[in-house]
Amino acid sequence: MLKKTLFIVIIVIAGKMANAQTADEVYDRYVDFNEAFLNANMEKAMTLGEQILPDTAKLKPGIRISFYNFMAQVYEGDHQSMNAIMYYNRVVAAQPNYYVAHRALGYLYIKDISGKPAKEIVVDAAYIGKIKKALPHLEKAQACDPDDQTLSLIKLLYRNIKDQHGIDTLPARLAQLKKNCEDILSTPTP
């Protein structure tokens, strides 16, 4: 029985090792993914990206964050909002001042409600929850890259949830958020 168990364990380990990608293989696949992404071949980028996902720990931290950012964009373009949100969240967790991902998150959180006419919007707990998730991201984006449309949207969202205090204190929050803005993903130092 012991020999049989040991044999099965060895087979399982050998099988996993055969399927596991080395760090160099993951990086090479990332280079191919990056090329497909930059050439707007999103189908190929999606296929390569999904092959990389199980082994992202083998990418250097800065490359991993860049990969997550590109993967979020691929998912966003493929109308897979939940996956895009997941990877944009990983980007902002690692690079909290990268406002480009914050803008994407803000708009993704309200995607299913922002295009509806006002008479069709139901202000309930789910709606308020989406707004409260979106607002900090939209505010970071607005602070770093002021845009009249985003500012109007932020104020509208506060009015919709009847938060006048949020509107009144917005200029101070934007001034504070403006102090740390990044528009390019940086590579963390070791």
N, C-alpha and C. Protein backbone atom coordinates (compact mmCIF):
# COMPACT_ATOMS: atom_id res chain seq x y z
N MET A 1 0.82 -1.19 0.00
CA MET A 1 0.00 0.00 0.00
C MET A 1 0.87 1.26 0.00
N LEU A 2 1.96 1.25 0.79
CA LEU A 2 2.85 2.39 0.87
C LEU A 2 3.51 2.65 -0.48
N LYS A 3 3.93 1.61 -1.16
CA LYS A 3 4.55 1.76 -2.47
C LYS A 3 3.55 2.35 -3.47
N LYS A 4 2.32 1.89 -3.41
CA LYS A 4 1.29 2.36 -4.32
C LYS A 4 1.02 3.86 -4.07
N THR A 5 0.92 4.25 -2.83
CA THR A 5 0.68 5.65 -2.47
C THR A 5 1.85 6.52 -2.91
N LEU A 6 3.07 6.05 -2.65
CA LEU A 6 4.25 6.79 -3.05
C LEU A 6 4.31 6.94 -4.57
N PHE A 7 3.98 5.89 -5.29
CA PHE A 7 3.96 5.93 -6.75
C PHE A 7 2.96 6.97 -7.24
N ILE A 8 1.77 7.01 -6.66
CA ILE A 8 0.73 7.96 -7.06
C ILE A 8 1.19 9.39 -6.78
N VAL A 9 1.81 9.60 -5.63
CA VAL A 9 2.31 10.94 -5.27
C VAL A 9 3.36 11.39 -6.28
N ILE A 10 4.26 10.52 -6.64
CA ILE A 10 5.31 10.86 -7.60
C ILE A 10 4.71 11.19 -8.96
N ILE A 11 3.72 10.43 -9.38
CA ILE A 11 3.05 10.68 -10.66
C ILE A 11 2.36 12.05 -10.64
N VAL A 12 1.67 12.34 -9.57
CA VAL A 12 0.97 13.63 -9.46
C VAL A 12 1.97 14.78 -9.50
N ILE A 13 3.05 14.67 -8.74
CA ILE A 13 4.07 15.73 -8.72
C ILE A 13 4.70 15.89 -10.10
N ALA A 14 5.01 14.79 -10.74
CA ALA A 14 5.61 14.85 -12.08
C ALA A 14 4.65 15.49 -13.06
N GLY A 15 3.37 15.18 -12.95
CA GLY A 15 2.36 15.78 -13.83
C GLY A 15 2.26 17.28 -13.63
N LYS A 16 2.28 17.71 -12.38
CA LYS A 16 2.21 19.15 -12.10
C LYS A 16 3.46 19.86 -12.62
N MET A 17 4.61 19.25 -12.44
CA MET A 17 5.85 19.86 -12.91
C MET A 17 5.86 19.96 -14.43
N ALA A 18 5.29 18.97 -15.10
CA ALA A 18 5.25 18.99 -16.56
C ALA A 18 4.35 20.12 -17.06
N ASN A 19 3.27 20.44 -16.31
CA ASN A 19 2.34 21.48 -16.73
C ASN A 19 2.73 22.86 -16.24
N ALA A 20 3.55 22.95 -15.22
CA ALA A 20 3.93 24.24 -14.66
C ALA A 20 4.87 24.96 -15.62
N GLN A 21 4.68 26.27 -15.71
CA GLN A 21 5.54 27.07 -16.56
C GLN A 21 6.71 27.60 -15.72
N THR A 22 7.87 27.63 -16.33
CA THR A 22 9.01 28.25 -15.65
C THR A 22 8.84 29.77 -15.71
N ALA A 23 9.60 30.48 -14.90
CA ALA A 23 9.53 31.95 -14.91
C ALA A 23 9.87 32.50 -16.30
N ASP A 24 10.86 31.90 -16.95
CA ASP A 24 11.22 32.35 -18.30
C ASP A 24 10.09 32.10 -19.29
N GLU A 25 9.43 30.97 -19.17
CA GLU A 25 8.31 30.67 -20.07
C GLU A 25 7.15 31.63 -19.84
N VAL A 26 6.89 31.95 -18.58
CA VAL A 26 5.81 32.89 -18.27
C VAL A 26 6.16 34.26 -18.83
N TYR A 27 7.41 34.69 -18.66
CA TYR A 27 7.82 35.99 -19.19
C TYR A 27 7.73 36.00 -20.72
N ASP A 28 8.18 34.93 -21.37
CA ASP A 28 8.10 34.85 -22.83
C ASP A 28 6.65 34.94 -23.30
N ARG A 29 5.77 34.28 -22.58
CA ARG A 29 4.35 34.34 -22.91
C ARG A 29 3.82 35.76 -22.68
N TYR A 30 4.32 36.42 -21.63
CA TYR A 30 3.93 37.81 -21.37
C TYR A 30 4.35 38.71 -22.53
N VAL A 31 5.56 38.51 -23.04
CA VAL A 31 6.04 39.31 -24.18
C VAL A 31 5.10 39.11 -25.37
N ASP A 32 4.70 37.87 -25.63
CA ASP A 32 3.77 37.59 -26.72
C ASP A 32 2.41 38.24 -26.44
N PHE A 33 1.95 38.15 -25.19
CA PHE A 33 0.69 38.78 -24.79
C PHE A 33 0.76 40.29 -25.03
N ASN A 34 1.86 40.90 -24.58
CA ASN A 34 2.04 42.34 -24.72
C ASN A 34 2.02 42.75 -26.19
N GLU A 35 2.68 41.97 -27.03
CA GLU A 35 2.71 42.26 -28.46
C GLU A 35 1.29 42.17 -29.04
N ALA A 36 0.56 41.13 -28.68
CA ALA A 36 -0.81 40.98 -29.17
C ALA A 36 -1.68 42.15 -28.70
N PHE A 37 -1.51 42.55 -27.43
CA PHE A 37 -2.28 43.66 -26.89
C PHE A 37 -1.97 44.95 -27.64
N LEU A 38 -0.69 45.24 -27.82
CA LEU A 38 -0.30 46.48 -28.48
C LEU A 38 -0.69 46.50 -29.95
N ASN A 39 -0.83 45.33 -30.56
CA ASN A 39 -1.28 45.24 -31.95
C ASN A 39 -2.80 45.11 -32.05
N ALA A 40 -3.48 45.30 -30.93
CA ALA A 40 -4.95 45.26 -30.86
C ALA A 40 -5.52 43.91 -31.29
N ASN A 41 -4.76 42.84 -31.10
CA ASN A 41 -5.25 41.50 -31.36
C ASN A 41 -5.78 40.96 -30.03
N MET A 42 -6.98 41.41 -29.67
CA MET A 42 -7.50 41.14 -28.34
C MET A 42 -7.86 39.66 -28.13
N GLU A 43 -8.24 38.99 -29.18
CA GLU A 43 -8.55 37.55 -29.03
C GLU A 43 -7.29 36.78 -28.64
N LYS A 44 -6.19 37.08 -29.32
CA LYS A 44 -4.92 36.42 -28.99
C LYS A 44 -4.44 36.85 -27.61
N ALA A 45 -4.59 38.15 -27.30
CA ALA A 45 -4.19 38.65 -25.98
C ALA A 45 -4.98 37.95 -24.88
N MET A 46 -6.27 37.76 -25.11
CA MET A 46 -7.11 37.08 -24.11
C MET A 46 -6.63 35.65 -23.90
N THR A 47 -6.37 34.94 -24.98
CA THR A 47 -5.92 33.55 -24.89
C THR A 47 -4.58 33.46 -24.15
N LEU A 48 -3.62 34.28 -24.55
CA LEU A 48 -2.31 34.26 -23.90
C LEU A 48 -2.41 34.71 -22.45
N GLY A 49 -3.20 35.76 -22.21
CA GLY A 49 -3.35 36.26 -20.84
C GLY A 49 -3.93 35.22 -19.91
N GLU A 50 -4.92 34.51 -20.36
CA GLU A 50 -5.53 33.48 -19.52
C GLU A 50 -4.59 32.31 -19.28
N GLN A 51 -3.64 32.11 -20.18
CA GLN A 51 -2.62 31.08 -19.94
C GLN A 51 -1.60 31.55 -18.90
N ILE A 52 -1.39 32.85 -18.82
CA ILE A 52 -0.42 33.41 -17.87
C ILE A 52 -1.01 33.49 -16.46
N LEU A 53 -2.30 33.74 -16.36
CA LEU A 53 -2.94 34.02 -15.05
C LEU A 53 -2.58 33.03 -13.94
N PRO A 54 -2.55 31.73 -14.17
CA PRO A 54 -2.23 30.82 -13.06
C PRO A 54 -0.79 30.97 -12.55
N ASP A 55 0.07 31.59 -13.35
CA ASP A 55 1.48 31.67 -12.98
C ASP A 55 1.98 33.11 -12.85
N THR A 56 1.10 34.05 -12.55
CA THR A 56 1.53 35.45 -12.46
C THR A 56 2.56 35.69 -11.36
N ALA A 57 2.59 34.84 -10.35
CA ALA A 57 3.58 35.00 -9.28
C ALA A 57 5.00 34.87 -9.81
N LYS A 58 5.16 34.28 -10.98
CA LYS A 58 6.48 34.10 -11.56
C LYS A 58 6.94 35.34 -12.33
N LEU A 59 6.05 36.32 -12.48
CA LEU A 59 6.44 37.58 -13.11
C LEU A 59 6.98 38.52 -12.05
N LYS A 60 7.92 39.36 -12.42
CA LYS A 60 8.43 40.38 -11.49
C LYS A 60 7.27 41.30 -11.12
N PRO A 61 7.29 41.85 -9.90
CA PRO A 61 6.15 42.66 -9.43
C PRO A 61 5.69 43.76 -10.38
N GLY A 62 6.61 44.54 -10.92
CA GLY A 62 6.22 45.61 -11.84
C GLY A 62 5.59 45.09 -13.12
N ILE A 63 6.13 44.01 -13.63
CA ILE A 63 5.58 43.39 -14.84
C ILE A 63 4.21 42.80 -14.53
N ARG A 64 4.07 42.21 -13.36
CA ARG A 64 2.80 41.62 -12.95
C ARG A 64 1.69 42.69 -12.92
N ILE A 65 2.01 43.84 -12.36
CA ILE A 65 1.01 44.91 -12.26
C ILE A 65 0.66 45.42 -13.66
N SER A 66 1.66 45.56 -14.51
CA SER A 66 1.39 45.96 -15.90
C SER A 66 0.52 44.93 -16.60
N PHE A 67 0.81 43.65 -16.36
CA PHE A 67 0.00 42.58 -16.94
C PHE A 67 -1.44 42.67 -16.45
N TYR A 68 -1.63 42.87 -15.14
CA TYR A 68 -2.99 42.99 -14.60
C TYR A 68 -3.72 44.17 -15.25
N ASN A 69 -3.01 45.26 -15.45
CA ASN A 69 -3.63 46.43 -16.06
C ASN A 69 -4.08 46.13 -17.49
N PHE A 70 -3.19 45.51 -18.26
CA PHE A 70 -3.55 45.15 -19.63
C PHE A 70 -4.68 44.11 -19.65
N MET A 71 -4.61 43.15 -18.74
CA MET A 71 -5.64 42.12 -18.69
C MET A 71 -7.00 42.74 -18.34
N ALA A 72 -7.00 43.70 -17.44
CA ALA A 72 -8.24 44.41 -17.10
C ALA A 72 -8.81 45.09 -18.34
N GLN A 73 -7.94 45.69 -19.13
CA GLN A 73 -8.40 46.36 -20.35
C GLN A 73 -8.94 45.35 -21.36
N VAL A 74 -8.30 44.20 -21.46
CA VAL A 74 -8.78 43.15 -22.36
C VAL A 74 -10.18 42.71 -21.92
N TYR A 75 -10.34 42.45 -20.63
CA TYR A 75 -11.65 42.03 -20.12
C TYR A 75 -12.69 43.14 -20.29
N GLU A 76 -12.29 44.37 -20.06
CA GLU A 76 -13.23 45.49 -20.23
C GLU A 76 -13.71 45.57 -21.68
N GLY A 77 -12.78 45.43 -22.60
CA GLY A 77 -13.13 45.44 -24.02
C GLY A 77 -14.00 44.27 -24.44
N ASP A 78 -13.92 43.18 -23.70
CA ASP A 78 -14.71 41.98 -23.98
C ASP A 78 -16.02 41.98 -23.17
N HIS A 79 -16.33 43.10 -22.56
CA HIS A 79 -17.56 43.27 -21.76
C HIS A 79 -17.64 42.30 -20.59
N GLN A 80 -16.49 42.00 -20.01
CA GLN A 80 -16.43 41.17 -18.81
C GLN A 80 -16.07 42.07 -17.63
N SER A 81 -17.04 42.90 -17.24
CA SER A 81 -16.81 43.94 -16.24
C SER A 81 -16.29 43.38 -14.92
N MET A 82 -16.84 42.28 -14.46
CA MET A 82 -16.41 41.75 -13.16
C MET A 82 -14.93 41.36 -13.18
N ASN A 83 -14.48 40.74 -14.25
CA ASN A 83 -13.06 40.39 -14.36
C ASN A 83 -12.21 41.66 -14.48
N ALA A 84 -12.67 42.63 -15.25
CA ALA A 84 -11.94 43.89 -15.39
C ALA A 84 -11.81 44.56 -14.03
N ILE A 85 -12.89 44.61 -13.28
CA ILE A 85 -12.86 45.22 -11.95
C ILE A 85 -11.86 44.50 -11.05
N MET A 86 -11.86 43.18 -11.10
CA MET A 86 -10.94 42.41 -10.26
C MET A 86 -9.48 42.79 -10.54
N TYR A 87 -9.12 42.90 -11.81
CA TYR A 87 -7.72 43.18 -12.14
C TYR A 87 -7.38 44.66 -11.97
N TYR A 88 -8.31 45.56 -12.24
CA TYR A 88 -8.04 46.97 -11.94
C TYR A 88 -7.84 47.16 -10.43
N ASN A 89 -8.61 46.43 -9.63
CA ASN A 89 -8.43 46.52 -8.18
C ASN A 89 -7.04 46.05 -7.76
N ARG A 90 -6.51 45.05 -8.42
CA ARG A 90 -5.15 44.60 -8.12
C ARG A 90 -4.14 45.68 -8.49
N VAL A 91 -4.42 46.38 -9.58
CA VAL A 91 -3.52 47.45 -10.01
C VAL A 91 -3.52 48.58 -8.97
N VAL A 92 -4.71 49.03 -8.55
CA VAL A 92 -4.75 50.15 -7.60
C VAL A 92 -4.28 49.72 -6.21
N ALA A 93 -4.38 48.45 -5.88
CA ALA A 93 -3.83 47.98 -4.60
C ALA A 93 -2.31 48.11 -4.60
N ALA A 94 -1.70 47.84 -5.74
CA ALA A 94 -0.25 47.92 -5.85
C ALA A 94 0.24 49.33 -6.16
N GLN A 95 -0.55 50.08 -6.90
CA GLN A 95 -0.19 51.44 -7.31
C GLN A 95 -1.37 52.38 -7.01
N PRO A 96 -1.58 52.73 -5.74
CA PRO A 96 -2.78 53.48 -5.34
C PRO A 96 -2.89 54.87 -5.97
N ASN A 97 -1.83 55.41 -6.49
CA ASN A 97 -1.90 56.74 -7.10
C ASN A 97 -2.04 56.71 -8.61
N TYR A 98 -2.16 55.53 -9.19
CA TYR A 98 -2.31 55.38 -10.65
C TYR A 98 -3.78 55.66 -10.99
N TYR A 99 -4.04 56.92 -11.31
CA TYR A 99 -5.42 57.36 -11.46
C TYR A 99 -6.12 56.79 -12.70
N VAL A 100 -5.40 56.33 -13.68
CA VAL A 100 -6.02 55.79 -14.89
C VAL A 100 -6.87 54.56 -14.53
N ALA A 101 -6.34 53.70 -13.68
CA ALA A 101 -7.11 52.53 -13.24
C ALA A 101 -8.28 52.96 -12.35
N HIS A 102 -8.08 54.00 -11.56
CA HIS A 102 -9.18 54.51 -10.74
C HIS A 102 -10.34 54.98 -11.62
N ARG A 103 -10.02 55.71 -12.69
CA ARG A 103 -11.07 56.18 -13.60
C ARG A 103 -11.84 54.99 -14.17
N ALA A 104 -11.11 53.99 -14.63
CA ALA A 104 -11.76 52.80 -15.20
C ALA A 104 -12.67 52.14 -14.17
N LEU A 105 -12.17 51.98 -12.95
CA LEU A 105 -12.98 51.37 -11.89
C LEU A 105 -14.23 52.17 -11.60
N GLY A 106 -14.08 53.48 -11.49
CA GLY A 106 -15.24 54.33 -11.20
C GLY A 106 -16.34 54.15 -12.23
N TYR A 107 -15.96 54.17 -13.48
CA TYR A 107 -16.97 54.02 -14.54
C TYR A 107 -17.51 52.60 -14.62
N LEU A 108 -16.66 51.61 -14.36
CA LEU A 108 -17.15 50.22 -14.39
C LEU A 108 -18.16 49.96 -13.27
N TYR A 109 -17.92 50.51 -12.10
CA TYR A 109 -18.85 50.28 -10.99
C TYR A 109 -20.25 50.82 -11.29
N ILE A 110 -20.33 51.88 -12.07
CA ILE A 110 -21.65 52.44 -12.36
C ILE A 110 -22.12 52.16 -13.79
N LYS A 111 -21.41 51.29 -14.47
CA LYS A 111 -21.69 51.02 -15.88
C LYS A 111 -23.15 50.70 -16.15
N ASP A 112 -23.74 49.84 -15.36
CA ASP A 112 -25.11 49.40 -15.65
C ASP A 112 -26.16 50.42 -15.23
N ILE A 113 -25.75 51.50 -14.55
CA ILE A 113 -26.74 52.51 -14.17
C ILE A 113 -26.51 53.86 -14.83
N SER A 114 -25.31 54.10 -15.35
CA SER A 114 -24.99 55.43 -15.86
C SER A 114 -25.68 55.76 -17.17
N GLY A 115 -26.08 54.78 -17.94
CA GLY A 115 -26.71 55.06 -19.22
C GLY A 115 -28.23 55.12 -19.17
N LYS A 116 -28.79 54.87 -18.01
CA LYS A 116 -30.25 54.85 -17.88
C LYS A 116 -30.81 56.26 -17.72
N PRO A 117 -31.98 56.50 -18.27
CA PRO A 117 -32.64 57.78 -18.02
C PRO A 117 -32.97 57.91 -16.53
N ALA A 118 -32.98 59.14 -16.03
CA ALA A 118 -33.20 59.39 -14.60
C ALA A 118 -34.49 58.75 -14.10
N LYS A 119 -35.53 58.72 -14.92
CA LYS A 119 -36.81 58.16 -14.46
C LYS A 119 -36.74 56.64 -14.27
N GLU A 120 -35.75 56.00 -14.85
CA GLU A 120 -35.61 54.54 -14.71
C GLU A 120 -34.69 54.14 -13.56
N ILE A 121 -34.00 55.09 -12.97
CA ILE A 121 -33.06 54.78 -11.90
C ILE A 121 -33.82 54.59 -10.59
N VAL A 122 -33.58 53.46 -9.95
CA VAL A 122 -34.16 53.18 -8.65
C VAL A 122 -33.06 53.34 -7.62
N VAL A 123 -33.23 54.32 -6.74
CA VAL A 123 -32.22 54.56 -5.71
C VAL A 123 -32.52 53.64 -4.54
N ASP A 124 -31.85 52.48 -4.55
CA ASP A 124 -32.00 51.50 -3.48
C ASP A 124 -30.63 51.20 -2.90
N ALA A 125 -30.55 50.26 -2.00
CA ALA A 125 -29.28 49.94 -1.34
C ALA A 125 -28.23 49.48 -2.34
N ALA A 126 -28.62 48.72 -3.35
CA ALA A 126 -27.66 48.25 -4.35
C ALA A 126 -27.11 49.43 -5.15
N TYR A 127 -27.98 50.34 -5.53
CA TYR A 127 -27.56 51.52 -6.28
C TYR A 127 -26.60 52.36 -5.44
N ILE A 128 -26.96 52.61 -4.19
CA ILE A 128 -26.12 53.41 -3.31
C ILE A 128 -24.78 52.73 -3.10
N GLY A 129 -24.78 51.40 -2.97
CA GLY A 129 -23.52 50.66 -2.82
C GLY A 129 -22.61 50.83 -4.02
N LYS A 130 -23.17 50.77 -5.22
CA LYS A 130 -22.37 50.96 -6.43
C LYS A 130 -21.79 52.37 -6.49
N ILE A 131 -22.63 53.34 -6.12
CA ILE A 131 -22.18 54.73 -6.14
C ILE A 131 -21.04 54.93 -5.14
N LYS A 132 -21.19 54.37 -3.97
CA LYS A 132 -20.15 54.55 -2.93
C LYS A 132 -18.85 53.85 -3.31
N LYS A 133 -18.94 52.79 -4.11
CA LYS A 133 -17.72 52.16 -4.60
C LYS A 133 -17.08 53.01 -5.69
N ALA A 134 -17.91 53.60 -6.53
CA ALA A 134 -17.42 54.36 -7.68
C ALA A 134 -16.82 55.71 -7.29
N LEU A 135 -17.44 56.40 -6.35
CA LEU A 135 -17.05 57.78 -6.06
C LEU A 135 -15.58 57.97 -5.69
N PRO A 136 -15.00 57.18 -4.80
CA PRO A 136 -13.57 57.42 -4.48
C PRO A 136 -12.67 57.29 -5.71
N HIS A 137 -13.01 56.37 -6.59
CA HIS A 137 -12.20 56.18 -7.80
C HIS A 137 -12.38 57.35 -8.77
N LEU A 138 -13.63 57.78 -8.93
CA LEU A 138 -13.89 58.91 -9.81
C LEU A 138 -13.24 60.18 -9.26
N GLU A 139 -13.27 60.34 -7.95
CA GLU A 139 -12.65 61.51 -7.34
C GLU A 139 -11.14 61.50 -7.54
N LYS A 140 -10.50 60.36 -7.39
CA LYS A 140 -9.05 60.28 -7.62
C LYS A 140 -8.74 60.65 -9.06
N ALA A 141 -9.51 60.13 -10.00
CA ALA A 141 -9.29 60.44 -11.41
C ALA A 141 -9.52 61.93 -11.67
N GLN A 142 -10.55 62.49 -11.07
CA GLN A 142 -10.86 63.91 -11.26
C GLN A 142 -9.76 64.79 -10.68
N ALA A 143 -9.24 64.41 -9.53
CA ALA A 143 -8.18 65.20 -8.89
C ALA A 143 -6.92 65.22 -9.76
N CYS A 144 -6.61 64.09 -10.35
CA CYS A 144 -5.37 63.96 -11.11
C CYS A 144 -5.48 64.41 -12.55
N ASP A 145 -6.66 64.29 -13.12
CA ASP A 145 -6.89 64.64 -14.53
C ASP A 145 -8.26 65.28 -14.64
N PRO A 146 -8.37 66.56 -14.25
CA PRO A 146 -9.68 67.22 -14.21
C PRO A 146 -10.41 67.15 -15.54
N ASP A 147 -11.69 66.85 -15.44
CA ASP A 147 -12.53 66.67 -16.60
C ASP A 147 -13.94 67.12 -16.23
N ASP A 148 -14.52 68.03 -16.99
CA ASP A 148 -15.85 68.56 -16.67
C ASP A 148 -16.91 67.47 -16.61
N GLN A 149 -16.83 66.50 -17.50
CA GLN A 149 -17.82 65.42 -17.53
C GLN A 149 -17.74 64.57 -16.26
N THR A 150 -16.54 64.23 -15.84
CA THR A 150 -16.37 63.43 -14.63
C THR A 150 -16.83 64.23 -13.40
N LEU A 151 -16.48 65.50 -13.35
CA LEU A 151 -16.90 66.33 -12.23
C LEU A 151 -18.43 66.42 -12.16
N SER A 152 -19.07 66.61 -13.29
CA SER A 152 -20.54 66.66 -13.32
C SER A 152 -21.13 65.33 -12.85
N LEU A 153 -20.52 64.24 -13.29
CA LEU A 153 -21.01 62.92 -12.87
C LEU A 153 -20.87 62.73 -11.37
N ILE A 154 -19.73 63.11 -10.81
CA ILE A 154 -19.52 62.98 -9.37
C ILE A 154 -20.60 63.74 -8.61
N LYS A 155 -20.84 64.98 -9.01
CA LYS A 155 -21.86 65.80 -8.33
C LYS A 155 -23.25 65.20 -8.49
N LEU A 156 -23.55 64.69 -9.68
CA LEU A 156 -24.85 64.04 -9.92
C LEU A 156 -25.03 62.83 -9.01
N LEU A 157 -23.98 62.02 -8.90
CA LEU A 157 -24.06 60.83 -8.06
C LEU A 157 -24.29 61.21 -6.60
N TYR A 158 -23.61 62.23 -6.12
CA TYR A 158 -23.85 62.69 -4.74
C TYR A 158 -25.28 63.20 -4.58
N ARG A 159 -25.78 63.93 -5.58
CA ARG A 159 -27.17 64.40 -5.49
C ARG A 159 -28.14 63.23 -5.49
N ASN A 160 -27.86 62.22 -6.32
CA ASN A 160 -28.76 61.06 -6.40
C ASN A 160 -28.86 60.30 -5.09
N ILE A 161 -27.77 60.29 -4.32
CA ILE A 161 -27.83 59.60 -3.03
C ILE A 161 -28.07 60.59 -1.88
N LYS A 162 -28.41 61.82 -2.27
CA LYS A 162 -28.77 62.88 -1.32
C LYS A 162 -27.67 63.12 -0.27
N ASP A 163 -26.44 63.31 -0.78
CA ASP A 163 -25.29 63.55 0.08
C ASP A 163 -24.72 64.94 -0.21
N GLN A 164 -25.36 65.96 0.32
CA GLN A 164 -24.90 67.34 0.11
C GLN A 164 -23.53 67.57 0.74
N HIS A 165 -23.27 66.93 1.87
CA HIS A 165 -21.97 67.05 2.52
C HIS A 165 -20.86 66.57 1.58
N GLY A 166 -21.12 65.50 0.84
CA GLY A 166 -20.13 64.99 -0.11
C GLY A 166 -19.81 66.01 -1.19
N ILE A 167 -20.84 66.72 -1.66
CA ILE A 167 -20.64 67.77 -2.66
C ILE A 167 -19.87 68.94 -2.05
N ASP A 168 -20.29 69.34 -0.84
CA ASP A 168 -19.68 70.51 -0.19
C ASP A 168 -18.20 70.29 0.12
N THR A 169 -17.81 69.09 0.45
CA THR A 169 -16.42 68.81 0.83
C THR A 169 -15.58 68.29 -0.33
N LEU A 170 -16.18 68.21 -1.50
CA LEU A 170 -15.48 67.69 -2.68
C LEU A 170 -14.22 68.49 -3.03
N PRO A 171 -14.26 69.82 -3.07
CA PRO A 171 -13.03 70.55 -3.43
C PRO A 171 -11.84 70.24 -2.51
N ALA A 172 -12.09 70.11 -1.24
CA ALA A 172 -11.00 69.80 -0.30
C ALA A 172 -10.45 68.40 -0.55
N ARG A 173 -11.34 67.44 -0.81
CA ARG A 173 -10.87 66.07 -1.09
C ARG A 173 -10.07 66.03 -2.38
N LEU A 174 -10.55 66.74 -3.40
CA LEU A 174 -9.83 66.76 -4.68
C LEU A 174 -8.44 67.38 -4.51
N ALA A 175 -8.35 68.45 -3.73
CA ALA A 175 -7.05 69.08 -3.50
C ALA A 175 -6.09 68.12 -2.80
N GLN A 176 -6.60 67.38 -1.84
CA GLN A 176 -5.76 66.41 -1.12
C GLN A 176 -5.34 65.27 -2.05
N LEU A 177 -6.27 64.75 -2.83
CA LEU A 177 -5.98 63.64 -3.74
C LEU A 177 -5.01 64.04 -4.85
N LYS A 178 -5.01 65.31 -5.21
CA LYS A 178 -4.17 65.79 -6.31
C LYS A 178 -2.68 65.74 -5.97
N LYS A 179 -2.36 65.64 -4.69
CA LYS A 179 -0.96 65.67 -4.26
C LYS A 179 -0.17 64.46 -4.74
N ASN A 180 -0.82 63.35 -4.97
CA ASN A 180 -0.12 62.12 -5.37
C ASN A 180 -0.83 61.51 -6.58
N CYS A 181 -0.32 61.82 -7.75
CA CYS A 181 -0.94 61.31 -8.98
C CYS A 181 0.12 60.66 -9.86
N GLU A 182 -0.22 59.51 -10.39
CA GLU A 182 0.65 58.82 -11.34
C GLU A 182 -0.17 58.47 -12.57
N ASP A 183 0.39 58.77 -13.74
CA ASP A 183 -0.31 58.41 -14.97
C ASP A 183 0.43 57.30 -15.72
N ILE A 184 1.55 56.87 -15.16
CA ILE A 184 2.32 55.76 -15.72
C ILE A 184 2.57 54.77 -14.59
N LEU A 185 2.36 53.49 -14.86
CA LEU A 185 2.66 52.50 -13.85
C LEU A 185 4.16 52.48 -13.59
N SER A 186 4.51 52.54 -12.33
CA SER A 186 5.92 52.51 -11.97
C SER A 186 6.32 51.13 -11.50
N THR A 187 7.59 50.86 -11.61
CA THR A 187 8.11 49.59 -11.13
C THR A 187 8.57 49.79 -9.70
N PRO A 188 7.98 49.03 -8.76
CA PRO A 188 8.40 49.19 -7.37
C PRO A 188 9.86 48.82 -7.16
N THR A 189 10.52 49.54 -6.28
CA THR A 189 11.92 49.23 -5.98
C THR A 189 11.97 48.08 -4.99
N PRO A 190 12.97 47.20 -5.12
CA PRO A 190 13.05 46.04 -4.21
C PRO A 190 13.38 46.42 -2.79
